[in-house]
N, C-alpha and C. Protein backbone atom coordinates (compact mmCIF):
# COMPACT_ATOMS: atom_id res chain seq x y z
N MET A 1 69.09 47.80 -15.45
CA MET A 1 69.52 48.56 -15.59
C MET A 1 70.77 48.53 -15.66
N ILE A 2 71.77 49.01 -16.57
CA ILE A 2 73.08 48.75 -17.13
C ILE A 2 74.19 49.60 -15.88
N VAL A 3 75.00 48.81 -15.35
CA VAL A 3 75.71 49.33 -14.41
C VAL A 3 77.03 49.03 -15.11
N VAL A 4 77.68 50.62 -15.24
CA VAL A 4 78.72 51.05 -15.82
C VAL A 4 80.20 51.01 -14.82
N PHE A 5 80.95 50.06 -15.10
CA PHE A 5 82.10 50.21 -13.97
C PHE A 5 83.32 50.04 -14.58
N GLY A 6 84.58 50.65 -14.00
CA GLY A 6 86.14 50.53 -14.90
C GLY A 6 86.59 51.93 -13.98
N THR A 7 87.69 52.10 -14.56
CA THR A 7 88.71 52.86 -14.09
C THR A 7 88.56 54.79 -14.44
N ARG A 8 88.93 55.10 -13.78
CA ARG A 8 89.18 56.94 -14.53
C ARG A 8 90.36 57.52 -13.28
N PHE A 9 90.47 58.80 -13.92
CA PHE A 9 91.68 59.49 -13.66
C PHE A 9 91.01 60.78 -12.71
N CYS A 10 91.28 60.88 -11.56
CA CYS A 10 90.73 62.09 -11.04
C CYS A 10 91.62 62.93 -9.77
N GLY A 11 91.29 63.38 -9.29
CA GLY A 11 92.19 63.92 -7.79
C GLY A 11 93.17 64.53 -8.22
N LYS A 12 93.02 65.52 -9.30
CA LYS A 12 94.18 66.74 -9.60
C LYS A 12 94.67 67.60 -8.56
N VAL A 13 96.41 67.26 -8.27
CA VAL A 13 96.76 68.10 -7.21
C VAL A 13 97.93 68.33 -7.75
N ALA A 14 98.62 69.46 -7.19
CA ALA A 14 100.19 69.68 -7.07
C ALA A 14 100.49 70.05 -8.64
N ALA A 15 99.82 70.94 -9.39
CA ALA A 15 99.96 71.11 -10.97
C ALA A 15 100.99 72.23 -10.49
N VAL A 16 102.41 72.09 -11.40
CA VAL A 16 103.33 72.80 -11.55
C VAL A 16 103.99 72.71 -12.77
N ASN A 17 103.93 74.00 -13.89
CA ASN A 17 104.49 74.02 -15.18
C ASN A 17 103.57 72.73 -15.88
N ASN A 18 102.31 72.66 -15.78
CA ASN A 18 101.46 71.85 -16.54
C ASN A 18 101.89 70.51 -16.45
N GLN A 19 102.39 70.19 -14.77
CA GLN A 19 102.30 68.69 -14.69
C GLN A 19 101.85 68.59 -13.03
N TRP A 20 101.38 67.22 -12.80
CA TRP A 20 100.72 67.33 -11.32
C TRP A 20 100.54 65.60 -11.47
N VAL A 21 99.92 65.77 -10.34
CA VAL A 21 99.53 64.42 -9.86
C VAL A 21 98.06 64.01 -10.14
N GLU A 22 97.84 62.96 -10.04
CA GLU A 22 96.52 62.23 -10.50
C GLU A 22 96.37 60.79 -9.51
N SER A 23 95.12 60.61 -9.34
CA SER A 23 95.14 59.05 -9.04
C SER A 23 94.05 58.07 -9.80
N LYS A 24 94.09 56.68 -10.04
CA LYS A 24 93.18 56.46 -11.00
C LYS A 24 92.18 55.41 -10.22
N PHE A 25 91.28 55.72 -10.21
CA PHE A 25 89.87 54.95 -9.09
C PHE A 25 88.99 53.89 -10.07
N PHE A 26 88.94 53.09 -9.23
CA PHE A 26 87.73 52.26 -9.73
C PHE A 26 86.74 53.00 -9.38
N SER A 27 85.93 52.93 -10.40
CA SER A 27 84.54 53.41 -10.58
C SER A 27 83.31 52.83 -10.81
N VAL A 28 82.28 53.07 -10.50
CA VAL A 28 80.80 52.44 -10.63
C VAL A 28 80.06 53.48 -10.77
N MET A 29 79.40 53.69 -12.52
CA MET A 29 78.54 54.72 -12.69
C MET A 29 79.24 56.01 -12.81
N PHE A 30 80.60 55.77 -12.83
CA PHE A 30 81.71 57.10 -13.04
C PHE A 30 81.65 57.52 -11.74
N ILE A 31 81.13 56.81 -10.64
CA ILE A 31 81.56 57.57 -9.59
C ILE A 31 83.08 56.96 -8.83
N PRO A 32 83.94 57.78 -8.30
CA PRO A 32 84.86 56.76 -7.88
C PRO A 32 84.86 56.14 -6.65
N ILE A 33 85.35 54.99 -6.31
CA ILE A 33 85.23 54.26 -5.42
C ILE A 33 85.92 53.94 -4.42
N PHE A 34 87.26 53.52 -4.75
CA PHE A 34 88.60 53.52 -4.24
C PHE A 34 90.11 53.52 -5.31
N PRO A 35 91.03 53.94 -4.42
CA PRO A 35 92.35 54.27 -5.45
C PRO A 35 92.92 52.89 -5.96
N VAL A 36 93.33 52.81 -7.36
CA VAL A 36 94.06 51.70 -7.26
C VAL A 36 95.68 51.81 -7.76
N GLY A 37 95.84 53.45 -7.74
CA GLY A 37 97.30 54.12 -8.06
C GLY A 37 97.25 55.25 -8.37
N SER A 38 98.50 55.97 -8.41
CA SER A 38 98.68 57.41 -8.82
C SER A 38 99.65 57.80 -9.66
N MET A 39 99.52 58.54 -10.35
CA MET A 39 100.61 58.97 -11.41
C MET A 39 101.11 60.49 -11.70
N PHE A 40 102.16 60.35 -11.74
CA PHE A 40 102.60 61.82 -12.15
C PHE A 40 102.53 62.25 -13.60
N VAL A 41 101.67 63.06 -13.94
CA VAL A 41 101.25 63.44 -15.32
C VAL A 41 101.99 64.51 -15.95
N THR A 42 102.76 64.34 -17.15
CA THR A 42 103.27 65.25 -18.20
C THR A 42 102.53 65.94 -19.19
N ASN A 43 101.17 64.91 -19.98
CA ASN A 43 100.54 65.30 -20.62
C ASN A 43 99.41 64.33 -20.28
N SER A 44 98.36 64.77 -20.78
CA SER A 44 97.05 64.05 -21.08
C SER A 44 96.12 64.50 -22.03
N ASP A 45 95.26 63.16 -22.76
CA ASP A 45 94.19 63.07 -23.55
C ASP A 45 92.96 62.64 -22.75
N PHE A 46 91.87 62.66 -23.52
CA PHE A 46 90.80 61.89 -22.97
C PHE A 46 91.18 60.33 -22.46
N ARG A 47 91.11 60.26 -21.00
CA ARG A 47 90.90 59.33 -20.22
C ARG A 47 92.66 58.53 -20.22
N ARG A 48 93.49 59.09 -21.37
CA ARG A 48 94.87 58.52 -21.21
C ARG A 48 95.62 59.67 -20.31
N ARG A 49 96.95 59.10 -20.08
CA ARG A 49 98.08 59.94 -19.40
C ARG A 49 99.20 59.74 -19.85
N GLN A 50 100.21 60.34 -19.83
CA GLN A 50 101.44 60.37 -19.72
C GLN A 50 102.40 60.92 -18.72
N GLY A 51 103.54 59.76 -18.74
CA GLY A 51 104.16 60.48 -17.30
C GLY A 51 104.78 59.21 -16.48
N PHE A 52 104.74 58.86 -15.37
CA PHE A 52 104.67 57.69 -14.75
C PHE A 52 104.11 57.52 -13.51
N THR A 53 103.86 56.14 -13.32
CA THR A 53 103.35 55.60 -12.43
C THR A 53 104.05 55.95 -10.85
N MET A 54 103.35 56.10 -9.96
CA MET A 54 104.30 56.19 -8.31
C MET A 54 102.88 55.80 -7.35
N ALA A 55 103.66 55.74 -6.11
CA ALA A 55 102.65 55.05 -4.81
C ALA A 55 101.43 56.02 -4.88
N VAL A 56 100.42 55.48 -4.57
CA VAL A 56 99.01 55.96 -4.14
C VAL A 56 99.51 57.30 -3.33
N ASN A 57 99.29 58.45 -3.73
CA ASN A 57 99.01 59.61 -3.15
C ASN A 57 98.06 59.86 -2.11
N ALA A 58 98.13 60.05 -1.13
CA ALA A 58 97.48 60.41 -0.10
C ALA A 58 96.73 61.78 -0.52
N GLN A 59 97.41 62.73 -1.03
CA GLN A 59 96.77 64.15 -1.16
C GLN A 59 95.84 64.00 -2.24
N SER A 60 96.09 63.12 -3.24
CA SER A 60 94.97 63.34 -4.46
C SER A 60 93.82 62.56 -3.96
N VAL A 61 94.07 61.21 -3.25
CA VAL A 61 92.66 60.69 -2.95
C VAL A 61 92.03 61.65 -1.74
N LYS A 62 92.61 62.47 -1.09
CA LYS A 62 91.88 62.95 -0.08
C LYS A 62 91.26 64.35 -0.88
N ALA A 63 91.73 64.77 -2.09
CA ALA A 63 91.16 65.24 -2.95
C ALA A 63 89.84 64.99 -3.27
N VAL A 64 89.74 63.75 -3.75
CA VAL A 64 88.57 63.08 -4.80
C VAL A 64 87.57 63.02 -3.48
N TYR A 65 87.75 62.71 -2.35
CA TYR A 65 86.75 61.94 -1.58
C TYR A 65 86.40 63.27 -1.15
N GLY A 66 87.10 64.27 -0.70
CA GLY A 66 86.60 65.66 -0.11
C GLY A 66 86.07 66.10 -1.13
N ARG A 67 86.29 66.66 -2.80
CA ARG A 67 85.18 67.34 -3.55
C ARG A 67 84.07 66.55 -3.63
N MET A 68 84.21 65.42 -4.00
CA MET A 68 83.05 64.63 -3.98
C MET A 68 82.01 64.60 -2.67
N PHE A 69 82.34 64.23 -1.48
CA PHE A 69 81.25 64.58 -0.70
C PHE A 69 80.77 65.85 0.11
N SER A 70 81.76 66.56 -0.11
CA SER A 70 81.51 68.10 0.16
C SER A 70 80.35 68.53 -0.73
N LEU A 71 80.30 68.46 -2.25
CA LEU A 71 79.54 68.67 -3.76
C LEU A 71 78.03 67.87 -2.93
N ILE A 72 78.34 66.79 -2.79
CA ILE A 72 77.04 65.57 -2.86
C ILE A 72 76.32 66.19 -1.29
N PHE A 73 76.73 66.52 -0.42
CA PHE A 73 76.01 66.97 0.84
C PHE A 73 75.88 68.23 1.02
N SER A 74 76.33 69.09 0.22
CA SER A 74 76.15 70.43 0.08
C SER A 74 74.90 70.88 -0.84
N VAL A 75 74.97 69.95 -2.19
CA VAL A 75 73.68 70.04 -2.52
C VAL A 75 72.50 69.27 -2.07
N TRP A 76 72.56 67.99 -1.37
CA TRP A 76 71.41 67.54 -0.41
C TRP A 76 71.10 68.56 0.80
N PHE A 77 71.88 69.09 1.44
CA PHE A 77 71.23 70.01 2.27
C PHE A 77 70.67 71.55 1.94
N LEU A 78 70.81 71.86 0.81
CA LEU A 78 70.28 73.03 -0.08
C LEU A 78 69.07 72.67 -0.62
N PHE A 79 69.24 71.37 -0.95
CA PHE A 79 67.68 70.90 -1.57
C PHE A 79 66.90 70.68 -0.66
N LEU A 80 67.18 70.11 0.70
CA LEU A 80 66.29 70.06 2.14
C LEU A 80 65.98 71.37 2.33
N ALA A 81 66.67 72.40 2.38
CA ALA A 81 66.55 73.73 2.99
C ALA A 81 65.49 74.16 1.79
N ALA A 82 65.30 74.19 0.26
CA ALA A 82 64.54 74.66 -0.05
C ALA A 82 62.95 73.89 -0.30
N ASP A 83 63.52 72.28 0.17
CA ASP A 83 62.11 71.41 0.05
C ASP A 83 61.21 71.98 1.66
N ASN A 84 62.11 72.24 2.67
CA ASN A 84 61.27 72.59 3.46
C ASN A 84 60.82 74.02 3.66
N TYR A 85 61.14 74.40 2.93
CA TYR A 85 61.03 76.20 2.78
C TYR A 85 59.55 76.23 1.82
N GLY A 86 59.61 75.58 1.05
CA GLY A 86 58.44 75.24 -0.02
C GLY A 86 56.93 74.28 0.63
N SER A 87 57.60 73.53 1.80
CA SER A 87 56.35 72.82 2.40
C SER A 87 55.13 73.76 2.87
N TYR A 88 54.21 73.20 3.36
CA TYR A 88 53.01 73.90 4.02
C TYR A 88 53.62 74.27 5.48
N GLU A 89 54.27 73.17 6.12
CA GLU A 89 54.36 73.10 7.58
C GLU A 89 55.83 73.22 7.68
N GLN A 90 56.10 74.76 7.08
CA GLN A 90 57.74 75.44 7.45
C GLN A 90 57.83 75.27 8.37
N ASP A 91 59.56 74.71 8.83
CA ASP A 91 60.10 74.97 10.07
C ASP A 91 61.27 75.61 9.78
N SER A 92 61.23 77.01 10.61
CA SER A 92 62.46 77.94 9.94
C SER A 92 64.08 77.76 10.65
N LEU A 93 63.64 76.81 11.88
CA LEU A 93 64.85 76.52 12.49
C LEU A 93 65.55 75.07 11.58
N LYS A 94 65.00 74.41 10.95
CA LYS A 94 65.09 73.38 9.91
C LYS A 94 65.90 73.92 8.84
N ILE A 95 64.94 74.84 8.29
CA ILE A 95 65.44 75.53 7.13
C ILE A 95 66.82 76.19 7.29
N THR A 96 67.16 76.97 8.38
CA THR A 96 68.18 77.90 8.47
C THR A 96 69.64 76.84 8.97
N ILE A 97 69.17 75.70 9.63
CA ILE A 97 70.31 74.76 10.00
C ILE A 97 70.57 74.25 8.24
N TYR A 98 69.78 73.41 7.73
CA TYR A 98 69.71 72.76 6.37
C TYR A 98 70.49 74.10 5.64
N LEU A 99 70.26 75.64 5.48
CA LEU A 99 71.19 76.43 4.87
C LEU A 99 72.47 76.97 4.84
N LEU A 100 72.38 76.65 6.24
CA LEU A 100 73.90 76.74 6.88
C LEU A 100 74.80 76.00 6.60
N LEU A 101 74.45 74.59 6.84
CA LEU A 101 74.96 73.19 6.23
C LEU A 101 75.61 73.24 4.76
N GLY A 102 74.51 73.72 4.17
CA GLY A 102 74.68 73.51 2.64
C GLY A 102 76.02 74.35 2.06
N LEU A 103 75.74 75.83 2.77
CA LEU A 103 76.31 77.08 2.33
C LEU A 103 77.94 76.58 2.89
N LEU A 104 77.88 75.92 4.15
CA LEU A 104 79.40 75.62 4.72
C LEU A 104 80.09 74.60 3.62
N LEU A 105 79.49 73.30 3.26
CA LEU A 105 79.87 72.38 2.53
C LEU A 105 80.20 72.89 1.27
N GLY A 106 79.51 74.18 0.81
CA GLY A 106 79.59 74.39 -0.55
C GLY A 106 80.78 75.29 -0.55
N GLY A 107 81.29 76.20 0.86
CA GLY A 107 82.36 76.57 0.55
C GLY A 107 84.00 75.70 0.94
N LEU A 108 83.42 74.35 1.52
CA LEU A 108 84.67 73.41 1.93
C LEU A 108 84.71 72.89 0.48
N CYS A 109 83.49 72.48 -0.13
CA CYS A 109 83.94 72.29 -1.84
C CYS A 109 84.59 72.89 -2.78
N ALA A 110 84.66 74.31 -2.75
CA ALA A 110 85.02 75.45 -3.39
C ALA A 110 86.68 75.21 -2.73
N TYR A 111 86.83 75.12 -1.86
CA TYR A 111 88.25 75.12 -0.90
C TYR A 111 89.05 73.59 -1.66
N PHE A 112 88.07 72.91 -1.40
CA PHE A 112 88.77 71.59 -1.80
C PHE A 112 88.93 71.75 -3.63
N TYR A 113 88.27 72.42 -4.31
CA TYR A 113 88.47 72.31 -5.87
C TYR A 113 89.73 73.47 -5.99
N LEU A 114 89.36 74.60 -5.55
CA LEU A 114 90.41 75.77 -5.72
C LEU A 114 91.71 76.15 -5.19
N TYR A 115 91.74 75.27 -4.23
CA TYR A 115 92.99 75.56 -3.08
C TYR A 115 93.64 74.41 -2.52
N TYR A 116 92.85 73.66 -2.32
CA TYR A 116 93.69 72.10 -1.91
C TYR A 116 94.40 71.62 -2.74
N GLY A 117 95.57 71.05 -2.32
CA GLY A 117 96.83 70.61 -3.31
C GLY A 117 97.52 71.44 -3.86
N LYS A 118 97.58 72.59 -3.48
CA LYS A 118 98.32 73.58 -4.14
C LYS A 118 99.99 73.45 -3.83
N SER A 119 100.84 73.66 -4.51
CA SER A 119 102.04 73.24 -4.13
C SER A 119 102.75 74.55 -3.47
N GLY A 120 103.15 74.45 -2.23
CA GLY A 120 104.02 75.67 -1.71
C GLY A 120 105.02 75.87 -2.59
N PRO A 121 105.92 77.34 -1.91
CA PRO A 121 106.70 77.86 -2.48
C PRO A 121 107.78 77.28 -2.67
N ASP A 122 108.15 76.64 -1.27
CA ASP A 122 109.31 75.62 -1.38
C ASP A 122 109.59 74.53 -2.11
N ASP A 123 108.29 73.90 -2.67
CA ASP A 123 107.91 72.85 -3.54
C ASP A 123 108.17 73.21 -4.61
N ILE A 124 107.86 74.33 -4.98
CA ILE A 124 107.53 74.55 -6.44
C ILE A 124 109.07 75.00 -6.86
N ALA A 125 109.81 75.74 -5.99
CA ALA A 125 111.17 76.06 -6.18
C ALA A 125 112.19 74.81 -6.50
N LEU A 126 111.76 73.88 -5.55
CA LEU A 126 112.76 72.25 -5.91
C LEU A 126 112.20 71.81 -6.91
N ARG A 127 110.88 71.92 -7.28
CA ARG A 127 110.29 70.96 -8.53
C ARG A 127 110.84 71.83 -9.45
N ASN A 128 111.03 73.04 -9.76
CA ASN A 128 111.72 73.74 -10.77
C ASN A 128 112.90 73.41 -11.35
N ARG A 129 113.90 73.28 -10.23
CA ARG A 129 115.24 72.47 -10.44
C ARG A 129 115.48 71.17 -10.83
N MET A 130 114.31 70.59 -10.37
CA MET A 130 114.02 68.95 -11.02
C MET A 130 113.76 69.04 -12.19
N GLY A 131 112.82 69.81 -12.49
CA GLY A 131 112.73 70.28 -14.03
C GLY A 131 113.68 70.58 -15.08
N ALA A 132 114.17 71.24 -14.31
CA ALA A 132 115.32 72.00 -15.14
C ALA A 132 116.70 70.58 -15.42
N LEU A 133 116.83 69.62 -14.64
CA LEU A 133 117.78 68.64 -14.31
C LEU A 133 116.86 67.36 -15.41
N THR A 134 115.82 67.25 -15.08
CA THR A 134 115.27 66.09 -16.11
C THR A 134 113.88 65.97 -16.94
N GLY A 135 113.32 67.31 -16.44
CA GLY A 135 112.61 67.44 -17.37
C GLY A 135 111.01 67.02 -16.59
N TYR A 136 111.12 66.39 -15.38
CA TYR A 136 110.04 66.09 -14.80
C TYR A 136 109.85 67.27 -13.44
N TYR A 137 109.02 67.78 -13.41
CA TYR A 137 108.54 69.06 -12.37
C TYR A 137 108.14 68.67 -11.14
N ALA A 138 108.70 67.37 -10.72
CA ALA A 138 108.06 66.69 -9.38
C ALA A 138 109.01 66.59 -8.33
N LEU A 139 108.45 65.98 -7.28
CA LEU A 139 109.48 66.18 -5.98
C LEU A 139 109.91 64.79 -6.00
N PRO A 140 111.34 65.03 -5.10
CA PRO A 140 112.05 64.20 -5.68
C PRO A 140 111.76 62.56 -5.31
N HIS A 141 110.98 62.74 -4.02
CA HIS A 141 110.25 61.17 -3.23
C HIS A 141 109.38 60.61 -3.89
N TRP A 142 108.69 61.48 -5.20
CA TRP A 142 107.71 60.76 -5.96
C TRP A 142 108.62 59.36 -6.96
N PHE A 143 109.75 59.86 -7.28
CA PHE A 143 110.72 58.98 -8.36
C PHE A 143 111.02 57.21 -7.06
N ASP A 144 110.90 56.42 -8.26
CA ASP A 144 111.06 55.26 -7.48
C ASP A 144 112.76 55.07 -7.56
N TYR A 145 113.36 53.75 -6.98
CA TYR A 145 114.96 53.50 -6.94
C TYR A 145 115.33 53.57 -8.37
N GLY A 146 114.69 53.15 -8.85
CA GLY A 146 115.55 52.39 -10.12
C GLY A 146 115.69 54.20 -11.07
N GLN A 147 114.32 54.97 -11.48
CA GLN A 147 114.50 55.95 -11.80
C GLN A 147 115.64 56.77 -11.30
N LEU A 148 115.52 57.20 -9.93
CA LEU A 148 116.77 57.47 -9.07
C LEU A 148 118.12 57.35 -9.68
N ARG A 149 118.44 55.89 -9.84
CA ARG A 149 119.43 55.33 -9.93
C ARG A 149 119.82 55.77 -11.66
N ASN A 150 118.89 55.49 -12.55
CA ASN A 150 119.08 56.15 -13.87
C ASN A 150 119.77 57.72 -14.31
N MET A 151 118.48 58.52 -13.16
CA MET A 151 118.62 59.84 -13.48
C MET A 151 120.02 60.33 -12.88
N PHE A 152 120.44 59.64 -11.79
CA PHE A 152 122.13 59.84 -11.44
C PHE A 152 122.99 59.57 -12.60
N GLY A 153 122.84 58.30 -12.79
CA GLY A 153 123.72 58.11 -14.01
C GLY A 153 123.60 58.89 -15.13
N THR A 154 122.70 59.43 -15.04
CA THR A 154 122.42 60.40 -16.66
C THR A 154 123.48 61.71 -16.62
N LEU A 155 123.19 62.32 -15.25
CA LEU A 155 123.62 63.65 -14.43
C LEU A 155 124.95 63.49 -14.60
N GLU A 156 125.61 62.13 -13.94
CA GLU A 156 127.03 61.76 -13.50
C GLU A 156 128.06 61.79 -15.29
N LEU A 157 127.15 61.00 -16.09
CA LEU A 157 127.90 61.02 -17.07
C LEU A 157 127.47 62.47 -17.97
N LYS A 158 126.92 63.22 -17.96
CA LYS A 158 126.83 64.67 -18.49
C LYS A 158 127.82 65.01 -17.84
N TYR A 159 128.02 65.05 -16.00
CA TYR A 159 129.27 66.01 -15.91
C TYR A 159 130.49 65.23 -16.26
N LYS A 160 130.42 64.31 -16.26
CA LYS A 160 132.02 64.03 -16.87
C LYS A 160 132.40 64.63 -18.46
N GLN A 161 131.33 64.70 -19.36
CA GLN A 161 131.18 64.92 -20.25
C GLN A 161 131.54 66.43 -20.78
N LYS A 162 131.01 67.18 -19.88
CA LYS A 162 131.16 68.68 -19.52
C LYS A 162 132.54 69.30 -19.06
N TYR A 163 132.88 68.40 -18.11
CA TYR A 163 133.77 68.97 -16.99
C TYR A 163 134.85 67.33 -17.12
N PRO A 164 135.34 67.21 -18.02
CA PRO A 164 135.98 66.16 -18.09
C PRO A 164 137.36 65.93 -17.53
N ASP A 165 138.14 67.18 -16.57
CA ASP A 165 138.95 67.11 -16.04
C ASP A 165 138.40 67.08 -14.28
N SER A 166 137.38 67.10 -14.02
CA SER A 166 136.70 67.33 -12.72
C SER A 166 135.93 66.20 -12.00
N ASN A 167 135.76 65.95 -10.98
CA ASN A 167 134.95 64.95 -10.24
C ASN A 167 134.16 65.82 -9.30
N TRP A 168 133.10 65.24 -9.47
CA TRP A 168 131.82 66.40 -8.78
C TRP A 168 131.66 66.38 -7.51
N LYS A 169 132.18 65.28 -6.98
CA LYS A 169 132.14 65.63 -5.20
C LYS A 169 133.53 66.30 -5.03
N THR A 170 134.88 66.42 -5.54
CA THR A 170 135.40 67.28 -5.06
C THR A 170 135.67 68.62 -5.42
N ASP A 171 134.61 69.07 -6.58
CA ASP A 171 134.41 69.84 -6.77
C ASP A 171 133.21 70.71 -5.88
N LEU A 172 132.50 70.15 -5.67
CA LEU A 172 131.33 70.58 -4.65
C LEU A 172 131.97 70.58 -3.17
N GLN A 173 132.99 69.95 -2.73
CA GLN A 173 133.99 70.05 -1.34
C GLN A 173 134.51 71.09 -1.59
N SER A 174 135.04 71.85 -2.71
CA SER A 174 135.55 72.67 -2.50
C SER A 174 134.91 74.06 -2.23
N ASP A 175 135.72 75.41 -2.02
CA ASP A 175 135.50 76.83 -1.57
C ASP A 175 134.90 77.42 -2.88
N ASP A 176 135.72 77.41 -3.94
CA ASP A 176 135.16 78.53 -4.68
C ASP A 176 134.44 77.17 -6.21
N ILE A 177 133.23 77.26 -6.22
CA ILE A 177 132.58 76.50 -6.99
C ILE A 177 131.85 77.16 -8.16
N ASP A 178 132.44 76.94 -9.69
CA ASP A 178 131.82 77.56 -10.85
C ASP A 178 130.17 77.94 -10.78
N ARG A 179 130.06 78.45 -10.79
CA ARG A 179 128.20 78.91 -10.90
C ARG A 179 127.89 77.95 -11.86
N HIS A 180 128.25 78.03 -13.22
CA HIS A 180 127.91 77.43 -14.04
C HIS A 180 127.51 75.74 -13.52
N LYS A 181 128.40 75.44 -12.75
CA LYS A 181 127.90 73.73 -12.15
C LYS A 181 126.71 73.67 -11.22
N HIS A 182 126.73 74.55 -10.20
CA HIS A 182 125.56 74.53 -9.47
C HIS A 182 124.34 73.68 -9.63
N MET A 183 123.64 73.68 -10.80
CA MET A 183 122.62 72.55 -10.86
C MET A 183 122.98 71.43 -11.00
N LEU A 184 124.18 71.10 -11.94
CA LEU A 184 124.43 69.96 -11.89
C LEU A 184 124.55 69.38 -10.50
N LEU A 185 125.72 69.86 -10.15
CA LEU A 185 125.81 69.16 -8.66
C LEU A 185 124.88 68.98 -7.61
N PHE A 186 123.90 70.22 -7.73
CA PHE A 186 122.78 69.77 -7.25
C PHE A 186 122.12 68.99 -7.52
N GLY A 187 121.60 68.26 -8.72
CA GLY A 187 120.78 66.81 -9.10
C GLY A 187 122.10 65.97 -8.42
N LEU A 188 123.34 65.99 -9.02
CA LEU A 188 123.96 64.89 -8.41
C LEU A 188 124.06 64.44 -6.74
N ALA A 189 123.90 65.47 -6.11
CA ALA A 189 124.09 65.36 -4.62
C ALA A 189 122.60 64.83 -4.03
N LEU A 190 121.99 65.56 -4.73
CA LEU A 190 120.25 64.96 -3.96
C LEU A 190 120.54 63.57 -4.68
N PHE A 191 120.48 62.91 -5.82
CA PHE A 191 119.85 61.66 -6.06
C PHE A 191 120.91 60.52 -5.31
N ASN A 192 122.25 61.24 -5.40
CA ASN A 192 123.49 60.42 -5.02
C ASN A 192 123.09 60.18 -2.92
N CYS A 193 122.64 61.10 -2.46
CA CYS A 193 121.95 61.03 -1.00
C CYS A 193 120.92 60.30 -0.90
N MET A 194 119.74 60.15 -1.80
CA MET A 194 118.67 59.60 -1.98
C MET A 194 118.94 57.74 -2.19
N ILE A 195 120.05 57.69 -2.95
CA ILE A 195 120.39 56.20 -3.26
C ILE A 195 120.92 55.54 -2.10
N TYR A 196 122.23 56.43 -1.79
CA TYR A 196 123.14 55.96 -1.03
C TYR A 196 123.12 56.81 0.60
N ASP A 197 122.28 56.45 1.61
CA ASP A 197 122.14 57.30 2.65
C ASP A 197 123.05 57.10 3.64
N ILE A 198 124.12 57.97 3.58
CA ILE A 198 124.97 58.06 4.40
C ILE A 198 125.33 59.00 4.76
N PRO A 199 125.90 59.26 6.15
CA PRO A 199 126.08 60.97 6.59
C PRO A 199 126.99 61.90 5.47
N GLU A 200 127.89 60.92 4.84
CA GLU A 200 128.75 61.86 4.38
C GLU A 200 128.11 62.43 3.01
N ASN A 201 127.32 61.56 2.33
CA ASN A 201 126.21 62.21 1.11
C ASN A 201 125.17 63.35 1.67
N ASP A 202 124.82 63.14 2.95
CA ASP A 202 124.11 64.17 3.28
C ASP A 202 124.60 65.43 3.28
N GLU A 203 125.67 65.69 3.73
CA GLU A 203 126.51 66.86 4.07
C GLU A 203 126.52 67.51 2.71
N LEU A 204 127.22 66.31 1.78
CA LEU A 204 127.19 66.61 0.55
C LEU A 204 125.82 67.60 -0.21
N TYR A 205 124.84 66.98 -0.08
CA TYR A 205 123.18 67.32 -0.46
C TYR A 205 123.29 68.79 0.40
N ALA A 206 123.61 68.86 1.69
CA ALA A 206 123.42 70.17 2.01
C ALA A 206 124.04 71.37 1.71
N LYS A 207 125.63 71.26 1.24
CA LYS A 207 126.46 72.06 0.75
C LYS A 207 125.78 72.62 -0.49
N ALA A 208 125.22 71.31 -1.54
CA ALA A 208 124.83 71.71 -2.98
C ALA A 208 123.24 72.33 -2.83
N ASP A 209 122.44 72.46 -1.79
CA ASP A 209 121.40 73.05 -1.23
C ASP A 209 121.76 74.38 -1.14
N GLN A 210 122.53 74.83 -0.36
CA GLN A 210 123.22 75.95 0.22
C GLN A 210 123.50 77.28 -0.98
N LEU A 211 123.78 76.18 -2.27
CA LEU A 211 124.09 77.03 -3.59
C LEU A 211 123.01 77.58 -3.53
N PHE A 212 121.59 77.25 -3.47
CA PHE A 212 120.58 78.11 -3.93
C PHE A 212 120.10 78.88 -2.78
N SER A 213 120.36 79.00 -1.58
CA SER A 213 120.11 79.72 -0.74
C SER A 213 120.08 81.06 -0.88
């Protein structure tokens, strides 16, 4: 028998605006065995993904195992119920138990496929802001340090070009902030806070976040 092994993407979760998180699994006979990494996906083709790599995403990994095992055991218990029902020595208690377990696990499987890993309203709102700023509808902590530095530099340059006589920190600390600056100020304060984690920057981010409250 030929044993096929390799890697495959699965565990799609947290989809917002056609961008999502998936994990790459080492697989044997197309069955995922263990994760080797995760990816934020912006576009996909057969066996190919575009986006950026990220730390192994626990939610995506749980989705893979939850979907796979709930489906396998649901089918198994339903098969046992049907097999016992068709036998000469029917055991109504066993049939009932197998049937209930099969249906319960089938419902759990449906939950893992249809509901598990959905983004909540707060995450969607934040990811929409990130998408408007960077093109990536991702949560900020999904980016690595290098990406944060690059995006902060890009936004800082954009702010200087758009408002050459302004300093973004001074603007954010003022009482009267031009609403056209809100999105850029939010992105600058967020990335600045994540890169340089000091109380002063936390306060700047808190004020920037209030602009959208």
